[in-house]
């Protein structure tokens, strides 16, 4: 979900372009199958964090473009901050005191 939302931060994309961007953003670690990707897109759309931007027909095939909503932008940014905070716990020098930061700061 995170990489799909991150991919859409650059503007509307269709399914194949989203899949390619997810693979690039994750350094090849995340490569969802077509069925998995469209299931993710459907759930994100139902939650209101992405929406269908437009549809077109290319070479006789329907192509649906998705875009991230303001709610989706807030969600992916919050998740990035959460992951950054989690990583900082692991990456801090051994024995360094733990200083919790308020969530969202």
PDB file of N, CA and C in Angstrom:
ATOM      1  N   UNK A   1       0.820  -1.186   0.000  1.00  0.00           N
ATOM      2  CA  UNK A   1       0.000   0.000   0.000  1.00  0.00           C
ATOM      3  C   UNK A   1       0.871   1.260   0.000  1.00  0.00           C
ATOM      4  N   UNK A   2       1.906   1.278   0.832  1.00  0.00           N
ATOM      5  CA  UNK A   2       2.767   2.453   0.952  1.00  0.00           C
ATOM      6  C   UNK A   2       3.397   2.808  -0.384  1.00  0.00           C
ATOM      7  N   UNK A   3       3.965   1.825  -1.066  1.00  0.00           N
ATOM      8  CA  UNK A   3       4.638   2.102  -2.325  1.00  0.00           C
ATOM      9  C   UNK A   3       3.661   2.507  -3.423  1.00  0.00           C
ATOM     10  N   UNK A   4       2.441   1.994  -3.386  1.00  0.00           N
ATOM     11  CA  UNK A   4       1.426   2.405  -4.357  1.00  0.00           C
ATOM     12  C   UNK A   4       1.094   3.880  -4.151  1.00  0.00           C
ATOM     13  N   UNK A   5       0.866   4.277  -2.906  1.00  0.00           N
ATOM     14  CA  UNK A   5       0.578   5.682  -2.624  1.00  0.00           C
ATOM     15  C   UNK A   5       1.782   6.565  -2.969  1.00  0.00           C
ATOM     16  N   UNK A   6       2.970   6.101  -2.639  1.00  0.00           N
ATOM     17  CA  UNK A   6       4.179   6.869  -2.951  1.00  0.00           C
ATOM     18  C   UNK A   6       4.321   7.044  -4.464  1.00  0.00           C
ATOM     19  N   UNK A   7       4.001   6.016  -5.236  1.00  0.00           N
ATOM     20  CA  UNK A   7       4.093   6.092  -6.695  1.00  0.00           C
ATOM     21  C   UNK A   7       3.136   7.147  -7.243  1.00  0.00           C
ATOM     22  N   UNK A   8       1.973   7.257  -6.651  1.00  0.00           N
ATOM     23  CA  UNK A   8       0.962   8.193  -7.147  1.00  0.00           C
ATOM     24  C   UNK A   8       1.208   9.641  -6.729  1.00  0.00           C
ATOM     25  N   UNK A   9       2.186   9.870  -5.859  1.00  0.00           N
ATOM     26  CA  UNK A   9       2.494  11.248  -5.457  1.00  0.00           C
ATOM     27  C   UNK A   9       2.997  12.076  -6.636  1.00  0.00           C
ATOM     28  N   UNK A  10       3.536  11.422  -7.659  1.00  0.00           N
ATOM     29  CA  UNK A  10       4.053  12.126  -8.822  1.00  0.00           C
ATOM     30  C   UNK A  10       2.990  12.493  -9.850  1.00  0.00           C
ATOM     31  N   UNK A  11       1.773  12.038  -9.646  1.00  0.00           N
ATOM     32  CA  UNK A  11       0.689  12.325 -10.584  1.00  0.00           C
ATOM     33  C   UNK A  11      -0.043  11.051 -10.963  1.00  0.00           C
ATOM     34  N   UNK A  12      -1.142  11.195 -11.692  1.00  0.00           N
ATOM     35  CA  UNK A  12      -1.956  10.025 -12.061  1.00  0.00           C
ATOM     36  C   UNK A  12      -1.172   9.013 -12.889  1.00  0.00           C
ATOM     37  N   UNK A  13      -1.408   7.733 -12.587  1.00  0.00           N
ATOM     38  CA  UNK A  13      -0.769   6.635 -13.314  1.00  0.00           C
ATOM     39  C   UNK A  13      -1.789   5.528 -13.553  1.00  0.00           C
ATOM     40  N   UNK A  14      -1.554   4.730 -14.596  1.00  0.00           N
ATOM     41  CA  UNK A  14      -2.379   3.546 -14.840  1.00  0.00           C
ATOM     42  C   UNK A  14      -1.692   2.346 -14.185  1.00  0.00           C
ATOM     43  N   UNK A  15      -2.394   1.240 -14.123  1.00  0.00           N
ATOM     44  CA  UNK A  15      -1.924   0.063 -13.397  1.00  0.00           C
ATOM     45  C   UNK A  15      -0.514  -0.387 -13.714  1.00  0.00           C
ATOM     46  N   UNK A  16      -0.188  -0.531 -15.001  1.00  0.00           N
ATOM     47  CA  UNK A  16       1.152  -1.007 -15.362  1.00  0.00           C
ATOM     48  C   UNK A  16       2.226  -0.016 -14.909  1.00  0.00           C
ATOM     49  N   UNK A  17       1.955   1.278 -15.075  1.00  0.00           N
ATOM     50  CA  UNK A  17       2.919   2.299 -14.642  1.00  0.00           C
ATOM     51  C   UNK A  17       3.067   2.308 -13.125  1.00  0.00           C
ATOM     52  N   UNK A  18       1.977   2.055 -12.399  1.00  0.00           N
ATOM     53  CA  UNK A  18       2.049   1.972 -10.937  1.00  0.00           C
ATOM     54  C   UNK A  18       2.934   0.796 -10.546  1.00  0.00           C
ATOM     55  N   UNK A  19       2.717  -0.353 -11.178  1.00  0.00           N
ATOM     56  CA  UNK A  19       3.504  -1.548 -10.888  1.00  0.00           C
ATOM     57  C   UNK A  19       4.992  -1.296 -11.130  1.00  0.00           C
ATOM     58  N   UNK A  20       5.315  -0.663 -12.239  1.00  0.00           N
ATOM     59  CA  UNK A  20       6.704  -0.354 -12.568  1.00  0.00           C
ATOM     60  C   UNK A  20       7.310   0.606 -11.539  1.00  0.00           C
ATOM     61  N   UNK A  21       6.547   1.619 -11.148  1.00  0.00           N
ATOM     62  CA  UNK A  21       7.023   2.592 -10.166  1.00  0.00           C
ATOM     63  C   UNK A  21       7.222   1.955  -8.790  1.00  0.00           C
ATOM     64  N   UNK A  22       6.310   1.078  -8.394  1.00  0.00           N
ATOM     65  CA  UNK A  22       6.436   0.370  -7.111  1.00  0.00           C
ATOM     66  C   UNK A  22       7.728  -0.438  -7.100  1.00  0.00           C
ATOM     67  N   UNK A  23       8.008  -1.122  -8.190  1.00  0.00           N
ATOM     68  CA  UNK A  23       9.230  -1.916  -8.284  1.00  0.00           C
ATOM     69  C   UNK A  23      10.463  -1.020  -8.153  1.00  0.00           C
ATOM     70  N   UNK A  24      10.457   0.123  -8.847  1.00  0.00           N
ATOM     71  CA  UNK A  24      11.586   1.059  -8.776  1.00  0.00           C
ATOM     72  C   UNK A  24      11.744   1.636  -7.373  1.00  0.00           C
ATOM     73  N   UNK A  25      10.646   2.124  -6.800  1.00  0.00           N
ATOM     74  CA  UNK A  25      10.706   2.759  -5.478  1.00  0.00           C
ATOM     75  C   UNK A  25      11.187   1.793  -4.394  1.00  0.00           C
ATOM     76  N   UNK A  26      10.850   0.517  -4.558  1.00  0.00           N
ATOM     77  CA  UNK A  26      11.215  -0.477  -3.545  1.00  0.00           C
ATOM     78  C   UNK A  26      12.552  -1.146  -3.834  1.00  0.00           C
ATOM     79  N   UNK A  27      13.239  -0.678  -4.848  1.00  0.00           N
ATOM     80  CA  UNK A  27      14.506  -1.309  -5.211  1.00  0.00           C
ATOM     81  C   UNK A  27      14.327  -2.749  -5.655  1.00  0.00           C
ATOM     82  N   UNK A  28      13.182  -3.043  -6.245  1.00  0.00           N
ATOM     83  CA  UNK A  28      12.899  -4.391  -6.733  1.00  0.00           C
ATOM     84  C   UNK A  28      12.382  -5.351  -5.682  1.00  0.00           C
ATOM     85  N   UNK A  29      12.240  -4.886  -4.446  1.00  0.00           N
ATOM     86  CA  UNK A  29      11.786  -5.773  -3.356  1.00  0.00           C
ATOM     87  C   UNK A  29      10.283  -6.035  -3.399  1.00  0.00           C
ATOM     88  N   UNK A  30       9.511  -5.103  -3.978  1.00  0.00           N
ATOM     89  CA  UNK A  30       8.057  -5.256  -4.042  1.00  0.00           C
ATOM     90  C   UNK A  30       7.646  -5.305  -5.509  1.00  0.00           C
ATOM     91  N   UNK A  31       7.046  -6.436  -5.897  1.00  0.00           N
ATOM     92  CA  UNK A  31       6.591  -6.629  -7.270  1.00  0.00           C
ATOM     93  C   UNK A  31       5.239  -7.332  -7.234  1.00  0.00           C
ATOM     94  N   UNK A  32       4.181  -6.580  -6.935  1.00  0.00           N
ATOM     95  CA  UNK A  32       2.870  -7.229  -6.815  1.00  0.00           C
ATOM     96  C   UNK A  32       2.390  -7.786  -8.150  1.00  0.00           C
ATOM     97  N   UNK A  33       1.713  -8.912  -8.084  1.00  0.00           N
ATOM     98  CA  UNK A  33       1.102  -9.467  -9.293  1.00  0.00           C
ATOM     99  C   UNK A  33      -0.019  -8.526  -9.731  1.00  0.00           C
ATOM    100  N   UNK A  34      -0.481  -8.710 -10.956  1.00  0.00           N
ATOM    101  CA  UNK A  34      -1.559  -7.868 -11.477  1.00  0.00           C
ATOM    102  C   UNK A  34      -2.793  -7.962 -10.581  1.00  0.00           C
ATOM    103  N   UNK A  35      -3.158  -9.167 -10.198  1.00  0.00           N
ATOM    104  CA  UNK A  35      -4.333  -9.356  -9.342  1.00  0.00           C
ATOM    105  C   UNK A  35      -4.174  -8.702  -7.988  1.00  0.00           C
ATOM    106  N   UNK A  36      -2.995  -8.821  -7.405  1.00  0.00           N
ATOM    107  CA  UNK A  36      -2.729  -8.194  -6.109  1.00  0.00           C
ATOM    108  C   UNK A  36      -2.780  -6.681  -6.226  1.00  0.00           C
ATOM    109  N   UNK A  37      -2.152  -6.133  -7.264  1.00  0.00           N
ATOM    110  CA  UNK A  37      -2.138  -4.681  -7.447  1.00  0.00           C
ATOM    111  C   UNK A  37      -3.550  -4.132  -7.602  1.00  0.00           C
ATOM    112  N   UNK A  38      -4.369  -4.766  -8.441  1.00  0.00           N
ATOM    113  CA  UNK A  38      -5.711  -4.242  -8.643  1.00  0.00           C
ATOM    114  C   UNK A  38      -6.579  -4.412  -7.402  1.00  0.00           C
ATOM    115  N   UNK A  39      -6.321  -5.424  -6.603  1.00  0.00           N
ATOM    116  CA  UNK A  39      -7.011  -5.547  -5.316  1.00  0.00           C
ATOM    117  C   UNK A  39      -6.637  -4.402  -4.381  1.00  0.00           C
ATOM    118  N   UNK A  40      -5.344  -4.056  -4.354  1.00  0.00           N
ATOM    119  CA  UNK A  40      -4.872  -2.934  -3.538  1.00  0.00           C
ATOM    120  C   UNK A  40      -5.509  -1.639  -4.023  1.00  0.00           C
ATOM    121  N   UNK A  41      -5.510  -1.419  -5.341  1.00  0.00           N
ATOM    122  CA  UNK A  41      -6.089  -0.198  -5.899  1.00  0.00           C
ATOM    123  C   UNK A  41      -7.577  -0.089  -5.566  1.00  0.00           C
ATOM    124  N   UNK A  42      -8.277  -1.196  -5.639  1.00  0.00           N
ATOM    125  CA  UNK A  42      -9.708  -1.201  -5.316  1.00  0.00           C
ATOM    126  C   UNK A  42      -9.940  -0.822  -3.846  1.00  0.00           C
ATOM    127  N   UNK A  43      -9.154  -1.417  -2.947  1.00  0.00           N
ATOM    128  CA  UNK A  43      -9.315  -1.108  -1.512  1.00  0.00           C
ATOM    129  C   UNK A  43      -8.950   0.341  -1.208  1.00  0.00           C
ATOM    130  N   UNK A  44      -7.859   0.829  -1.815  1.00  0.00           N
ATOM    131  CA  UNK A  44      -7.465   2.225  -1.585  1.00  0.00           C
ATOM    132  C   UNK A  44      -8.528   3.183  -2.117  1.00  0.00           C
ATOM    133  N   UNK A  45      -9.124   2.843  -3.243  1.00  0.00           N
ATOM    134  CA  UNK A  45     -10.190   3.666  -3.813  1.00  0.00           C
ATOM    135  C   UNK A  45     -11.410   3.672  -2.891  1.00  0.00           C
ATOM    136  N   UNK A  46     -11.769   2.506  -2.360  1.00  0.00           N
ATOM    137  CA  UNK A  46     -12.905   2.411  -1.435  1.00  0.00           C
ATOM    138  C   UNK A  46     -12.666   3.223  -0.167  1.00  0.00           C
ATOM    139  N   UNK A  47     -11.412   3.285   0.278  1.00  0.00           N
ATOM    140  CA  UNK A  47     -11.057   4.056   1.487  1.00  0.00           C
ATOM    141  C   UNK A  47     -10.953   5.555   1.211  1.00  0.00           C
ATOM    142  N   UNK A  48     -10.969   5.947  -0.042  1.00  0.00           N
ATOM    143  CA  UNK A  48     -10.916   7.357  -0.393  1.00  0.00           C
ATOM    144  C   UNK A  48      -9.520   7.954  -0.409  1.00  0.00           C
ATOM    145  N   UNK A  49      -8.483   7.101  -0.419  1.00  0.00           N
ATOM    146  CA  UNK A  49      -7.116   7.626  -0.433  1.00  0.00           C
ATOM    147  C   UNK A  49      -6.561   7.740  -1.855  1.00  0.00           C
ATOM    148  N   UNK A  50      -7.236   7.081  -2.807  1.00  0.00           N
ATOM    149  CA  UNK A  50      -6.974   7.308  -4.227  1.00  0.00           C
ATOM    150  C   UNK A  50      -8.327   7.419  -4.906  1.00  0.00           C
ATOM    151  N   UNK A  51      -8.316   7.932  -6.121  1.00  0.00           N
ATOM    152  CA  UNK A  51      -9.548   8.009  -6.907  1.00  0.00           C
ATOM    153  C   UNK A  51      -9.196   7.808  -8.371  1.00  0.00           C
ATOM    154  N   UNK A  52     -10.204   7.434  -9.153  1.00  0.00           N
ATOM    155  CA  UNK A  52      -9.991   7.291 -10.589  1.00  0.00           C
ATOM    156  C   UNK A  52      -9.903   8.691 -11.177  1.00  0.00           C
ATOM    157  N   UNK A  53      -8.822   8.969 -11.852  1.00  0.00           N
ATOM    158  CA  UNK A  53      -8.599  10.273 -12.469  1.00  0.00           C
ATOM    159  C   UNK A  53      -9.271  10.338 -13.839  1.00  0.00           C
ATOM    160  N   UNK A  54      -9.057   9.282 -14.631  1.00  0.00           N
ATOM    161  CA  UNK A  54      -9.665   9.214 -15.959  1.00  0.00           C
ATOM    162  C   UNK A  54      -9.521   7.796 -16.490  1.00  0.00           C
ATOM    163  N   UNK A  55     -10.266   7.527 -17.554  1.00  0.00           N
ATOM    164  CA  UNK A  55     -10.163   6.250 -18.248  1.00  0.00           C
ATOM    165  C   UNK A  55     -10.012   6.523 -19.734  1.00  0.00           C
ATOM    166  N   UNK A  56      -9.236   5.685 -20.402  1.00  0.00           N
ATOM    167  CA  UNK A  56      -9.064   5.813 -21.842  1.00  0.00           C
ATOM    168  C   UNK A  56      -8.878   4.428 -22.440  1.00  0.00           C
ATOM    169  N   UNK A  57      -9.035   4.347 -23.741  1.00  0.00           N
ATOM    170  CA  UNK A  57      -8.818   3.090 -24.446  1.00  0.00           C
ATOM    171  C   UNK A  57      -7.550   3.231 -25.286  1.00  0.00           C
ATOM    172  N   UNK A  58      -6.615   2.296 -25.074  1.00  0.00           N
ATOM    173  CA  UNK A  58      -5.354   2.290 -25.807  1.00  0.00           C
ATOM    174  C   UNK A  58      -5.209   0.915 -26.452  1.00  0.00           C
ATOM    175  N   UNK A  59      -5.094   0.905 -27.771  1.00  0.00           N
ATOM    176  CA  UNK A  59      -4.985  -0.356 -28.521  1.00  0.00           C
ATOM    177  C   UNK A  59      -6.113  -1.325 -28.170  1.00  0.00           C
ATOM    178  N   UNK A  60      -7.315  -0.796 -28.031  1.00  0.00           N
ATOM    179  CA  UNK A  60      -8.486  -1.619 -27.746  1.00  0.00           C
ATOM    180  C   UNK A  60      -8.623  -2.068 -26.306  1.00  0.00           C
ATOM    181  N   UNK A  61      -7.719  -1.613 -25.438  1.00  0.00           N
ATOM    182  CA  UNK A  61      -7.778  -2.019 -24.019  1.00  0.00           C
ATOM    183  C   UNK A  61      -8.083  -0.804 -23.157  1.00  0.00           C
ATOM    184  N   UNK A  62      -8.943  -1.012 -22.171  1.00  0.00           N
ATOM    185  CA  UNK A  62      -9.265   0.071 -21.248  1.00  0.00           C
ATOM    186  C   UNK A  62      -8.106   0.304 -20.300  1.00  0.00           C
ATOM    187  N   UNK A  63      -7.815   1.560 -20.075  1.00  0.00           N
ATOM    188  CA  UNK A  63      -6.729   1.936 -19.177  1.00  0.00           C
ATOM    189  C   UNK A  63      -7.314   2.937 -18.174  1.00  0.00           C
ATOM    190  N   UNK A  64      -7.220   2.598 -16.904  1.00  0.00           N
ATOM    191  CA  UNK A  64      -7.740   3.457 -15.842  1.00  0.00           C
ATOM    192  C   UNK A  64      -6.573   4.110 -15.113  1.00  0.00           C
ATOM    193  N   UNK A  65      -6.632   5.421 -14.997  1.00  0.00           N
ATOM    194  CA  UNK A  65      -5.597   6.183 -14.297  1.00  0.00           C
ATOM    195  C   UNK A  65      -6.097   6.533 -12.901  1.00  0.00           C
ATOM    196  N   UNK A  66      -5.230   6.346 -11.918  1.00  0.00           N
ATOM    197  CA  UNK A  66      -5.560   6.660 -10.533  1.00  0.00           C
ATOM    198  C   UNK A  66      -4.724   7.842 -10.066  1.00  0.00           C
ATOM    199  N   UNK A  67      -5.271   8.605  -9.138  1.00  0.00           N
ATOM    200  CA  UNK A  67      -4.511   9.691  -8.512  1.00  0.00           C
ATOM    201  C   UNK A  67      -4.728   9.625  -7.002  1.00  0.00           C
ATOM    202  N   UNK A  68      -3.763  10.132  -6.271  1.00  0.00           N
ATOM    203  CA  UNK A  68      -3.827  10.144  -4.816  1.00  0.00           C
ATOM    204  C   UNK A  68      -4.671  11.344  -4.374  1.00  0.00           C
ATOM    205  N   UNK A  69      -5.465  11.162  -3.331  1.00  0.00           N
ATOM    206  CA  UNK A  69      -6.280  12.248  -2.791  1.00  0.00           C
ATOM    207  C   UNK A  69      -5.505  12.962  -1.681  1.00  0.00           C
ATOM    208  N   UNK A  70      -6.049  14.061  -1.192  1.00  0.00           N
ATOM    209  CA  UNK A  70      -5.417  14.761  -0.068  1.00  0.00           C
ATOM    210  C   UNK A  70      -5.297  13.834   1.143  1.00  0.00           C
ATOM    211  N   UNK A  71      -6.332  13.034   1.369  1.00  0.00           N
ATOM    212  CA  UNK A  71      -6.300  12.073   2.483  1.00  0.00           C
ATOM    213  C   UNK A  71      -5.183  11.045   2.268  1.00  0.00           C
ATOM    214  N   UNK A  72      -5.009  10.619   1.032  1.00  0.00           N
ATOM    215  CA  UNK A  72      -3.938   9.674   0.709  1.00  0.00           C
ATOM    216  C   UNK A  72      -2.568  10.291   0.908  1.00  0.00           C
ATOM    217  N   UNK A  73      -2.413  11.557   0.533  1.00  0.00           N
ATOM    218  CA  UNK A  73      -1.137  12.266   0.746  1.00  0.00           C
ATOM    219  C   UNK A  73      -0.813  12.305   2.238  1.00  0.00           C
ATOM    220  N   UNK A  74      -1.810  12.644   3.045  1.00  0.00           N
ATOM    221  CA  UNK A  74      -1.597  12.712   4.499  1.00  0.00           C
ATOM    222  C   UNK A  74      -1.228  11.336   5.051  1.00  0.00           C
ATOM    223  N   UNK A  75      -1.885  10.296   4.558  1.00  0.00           N
ATOM    224  CA  UNK A  75      -1.626   8.933   5.032  1.00  0.00           C
ATOM    225  C   UNK A  75      -0.208   8.482   4.688  1.00  0.00           C
ATOM    226  N   UNK A  76       0.239   8.699   3.454  1.00  0.00           N
ATOM    227  CA  UNK A  76       1.579   8.245   3.060  1.00  0.00           C
ATOM    228  C   UNK A  76       2.649   9.063   3.782  1.00  0.00           C
ATOM    229  N   UNK A  77       2.400  10.336   4.010  1.00  0.00           N
ATOM    230  CA  UNK A  77       3.369  11.153   4.748  1.00  0.00           C
ATOM    231  C   UNK A  77       3.457  10.710   6.206  1.00  0.00           C
ATOM    232  N   UNK A  78       2.323  10.403   6.819  1.00  0.00           N
ATOM    233  CA  UNK A  78       2.323   9.920   8.203  1.00  0.00           C
ATOM    234  C   UNK A  78       3.058   8.585   8.297  1.00  0.00           C
ATOM    235  N   UNK A  79       2.848   7.710   7.325  1.00  0.00           N
ATOM    236  CA  UNK A  79       3.526   6.411   7.334  1.00  0.00           C
ATOM    237  C   UNK A  79       5.027   6.592   7.161  1.00  0.00           C
ATOM    238  N   UNK A  80       5.441   7.528   6.306  1.00  0.00           N
ATOM    239  CA  UNK A  80       6.872   7.790   6.116  1.00  0.00           C
ATOM    240  C   UNK A  80       7.490   8.295   7.422  1.00  0.00           C
ATOM    241  N   UNK A  81       6.782   9.176   8.132  1.00  0.00           N
ATOM    242  CA  UNK A  81       7.302   9.667   9.427  1.00  0.00           C
ATOM    243  C   UNK A  81       7.390   8.532  10.445  1.00  0.00           C
ATOM    244  N   UNK A  82       6.400   7.650  10.440  1.00  0.00           N
ATOM    245  CA  UNK A  82       6.400   6.514  11.374  1.00  0.00           C
ATOM    246  C   UNK A  82       7.585   5.596  11.086  1.00  0.00           C
ATOM    247  N   UNK A  83       7.832   5.313   9.806  1.00  0.00           N
ATOM    248  CA  UNK A  83       8.953   4.441   9.445  1.00  0.00           C
ATOM    249  C   UNK A  83      10.285   5.107   9.765  1.00  0.00           C
ATOM    250  N   UNK A  84      10.365   6.404   9.559  1.00  0.00           N
ATOM    251  CA  UNK A  84      11.594   7.141   9.875  1.00  0.00           C
ATOM    252  C   UNK A  84      11.879   7.079  11.373  1.00  0.00           C
ATOM    253  N   UNK A  85      10.838   7.248  12.188  1.00  0.00           N
ATOM    254  CA  UNK A  85      11.013   7.175  13.641  1.00  0.00           C
ATOM    255  C   UNK A  85      11.443   5.776  14.064  1.00  0.00           C
ATOM    256  N   UNK A  86      10.837   4.744  13.460  1.00  0.00           N
ATOM    257  CA  UNK A  86      11.207   3.367  13.785  1.00  0.00           C
ATOM    258  C   UNK A  86      12.656   3.087  13.385  1.00  0.00           C
ATOM    259  N   UNK A  87      13.057   3.570  12.220  1.00  0.00           N
ATOM    260  CA  UNK A  87      14.435   3.362  11.762  1.00  0.00           C
ATOM    261  C   UNK A  87      15.426   4.082  12.668  1.00  0.00           C
ATOM    262  N   UNK A  88      15.065   5.257  13.147  1.00  0.00           N
ATOM    263  CA  UNK A  88      15.990   6.010  13.995  1.00  0.00           C
ATOM    264  C   UNK A  88      16.275   5.279  15.303  1.00  0.00           C
ATOM    265  N   UNK A  89      15.321   4.480  15.780  1.00  0.00           N
ATOM    266  CA  UNK A  89      15.553   3.688  16.991  1.00  0.00           C
ATOM    267  C   UNK A  89      16.639   2.648  16.765  1.00  0.00           C
ATOM    268  N   UNK A  90      16.630   2.060  15.598  1.00  0.00           N
ATOM    269  CA  UNK A  90      17.593   1.012  15.276  1.00  0.00           C
ATOM    270  C   UNK A  90      18.950   1.601  14.900  1.00  0.00           C
ATOM    271  N   UNK A  91      18.941   2.745  14.262  1.00  0.00           N
ATOM    272  CA  UNK A  91      20.172   3.329  13.736  1.00  0.00           C
ATOM    273  C   UNK A  91      20.913   4.220  14.724  1.00  0.00           C
ATOM    274  N   UNK A  92      20.291   4.534  15.854  1.00  0.00           N
ATOM    275  CA  UNK A  92      20.980   5.390  16.819  1.00  0.00           C
ATOM    276  C   UNK A  92      22.149   4.614  17.426  1.00  0.00           C
ATOM    277  N   UNK A  93      23.161   5.317  17.860  1.00  0.00           N
ATOM    278  CA  UNK A  93      24.329   4.637  18.442  1.00  0.00           C
ATOM    279  C   UNK A  93      23.927   3.773  19.640  1.00  0.00           C
ATOM    280  N   UNK A  94      24.589   2.654  19.770  1.00  0.00           N
ATOM    281  CA  UNK A  94      24.320   1.746  20.877  1.00  0.00           C
ATOM    282  C   UNK A  94      24.569   2.465  22.198  1.00  0.00           C
ATOM    283  N   UNK A  95      23.639   2.333  23.111  1.00  0.00           N
ATOM    284  CA  UNK A  95      23.779   2.956  24.420  1.00  0.00           C
ATOM    285  C   UNK A  95      23.278   4.393  24.472  1.00  0.00           C
ATOM    286  N   UNK A  96      22.911   4.958  23.336  1.00  0.00           N
ATOM    287  CA  UNK A  96      22.395   6.333  23.330  1.00  0.00           C
ATOM    288  C   UNK A  96      21.041   6.341  24.018  1.00  0.00           C
ATOM    289  N   UNK A  97      20.758   7.379  24.793  1.00  0.00           N
ATOM    290  CA  UNK A  97      19.475   7.437  25.494  1.00  0.00           C
ATOM    291  C   UNK A  97      18.317   7.542  24.503  1.00  0.00           C
ATOM    292  N   UNK A  98      17.232   6.939  24.863  1.00  0.00           N
ATOM    293  CA  UNK A  98      16.022   6.986  24.053  1.00  0.00           C
ATOM    294  C   UNK A  98      15.249   8.247  24.411  1.00  0.00           C
ATOM    295  N   UNK A  99      14.960   9.051  23.425  1.00  0.00           N
ATOM    296  CA  UNK A  99      14.173  10.273  23.631  1.00  0.00           C
ATOM    297  C   UNK A  99      12.963  10.204  22.714  1.00  0.00           C
ATOM    298  N   UNK A 100      11.833   9.716  23.227  1.00  0.00           N
ATOM    299  CA  UNK A 100      10.658   9.602  22.358  1.00  0.00           C
ATOM    300  C   UNK A 100      10.190  10.959  21.874  1.00  0.00           C
ATOM    301  N   UNK A 101       9.769  10.963  20.606  1.00  0.00           N
ATOM    302  CA  UNK A 101       9.185  12.192  20.021  1.00  0.00           C
ATOM    303  C   UNK A 101       7.698  12.016  19.922  1.00  0.00           C
ATOM    304  N   UNK A 102       6.956  13.087  20.067  1.00  0.00           N
ATOM    305  CA  UNK A 102       5.511  12.973  19.914  1.00  0.00           C
ATOM    306  C   UNK A 102       5.168  12.496  18.505  1.00  0.00           C
ATOM    307  N   UNK A 103       4.130  11.689  18.396  1.00  0.00           N
ATOM    308  CA  UNK A 103       3.685  11.181  17.105  1.00  0.00           C
ATOM    309  C   UNK A 103       3.334  12.350  16.199  1.00  0.00           C
ATOM    310  N   UNK A 104       3.827  12.286  14.967  1.00  0.00           N
ATOM    311  CA  UNK A 104       3.518  13.317  13.983  1.00  0.00           C
ATOM    312  C   UNK A 104       4.468  14.487  14.035  1.00  0.00           C
ATOM    313  N   UNK A 105       5.411  14.508  14.954  1.00  0.00           N
ATOM    314  CA  UNK A 105       6.347  15.627  15.046  1.00  0.00           C
ATOM    315  C   UNK A 105       7.536  15.426  14.166  1.00  0.00           C
TER     316      UNK A 105
END
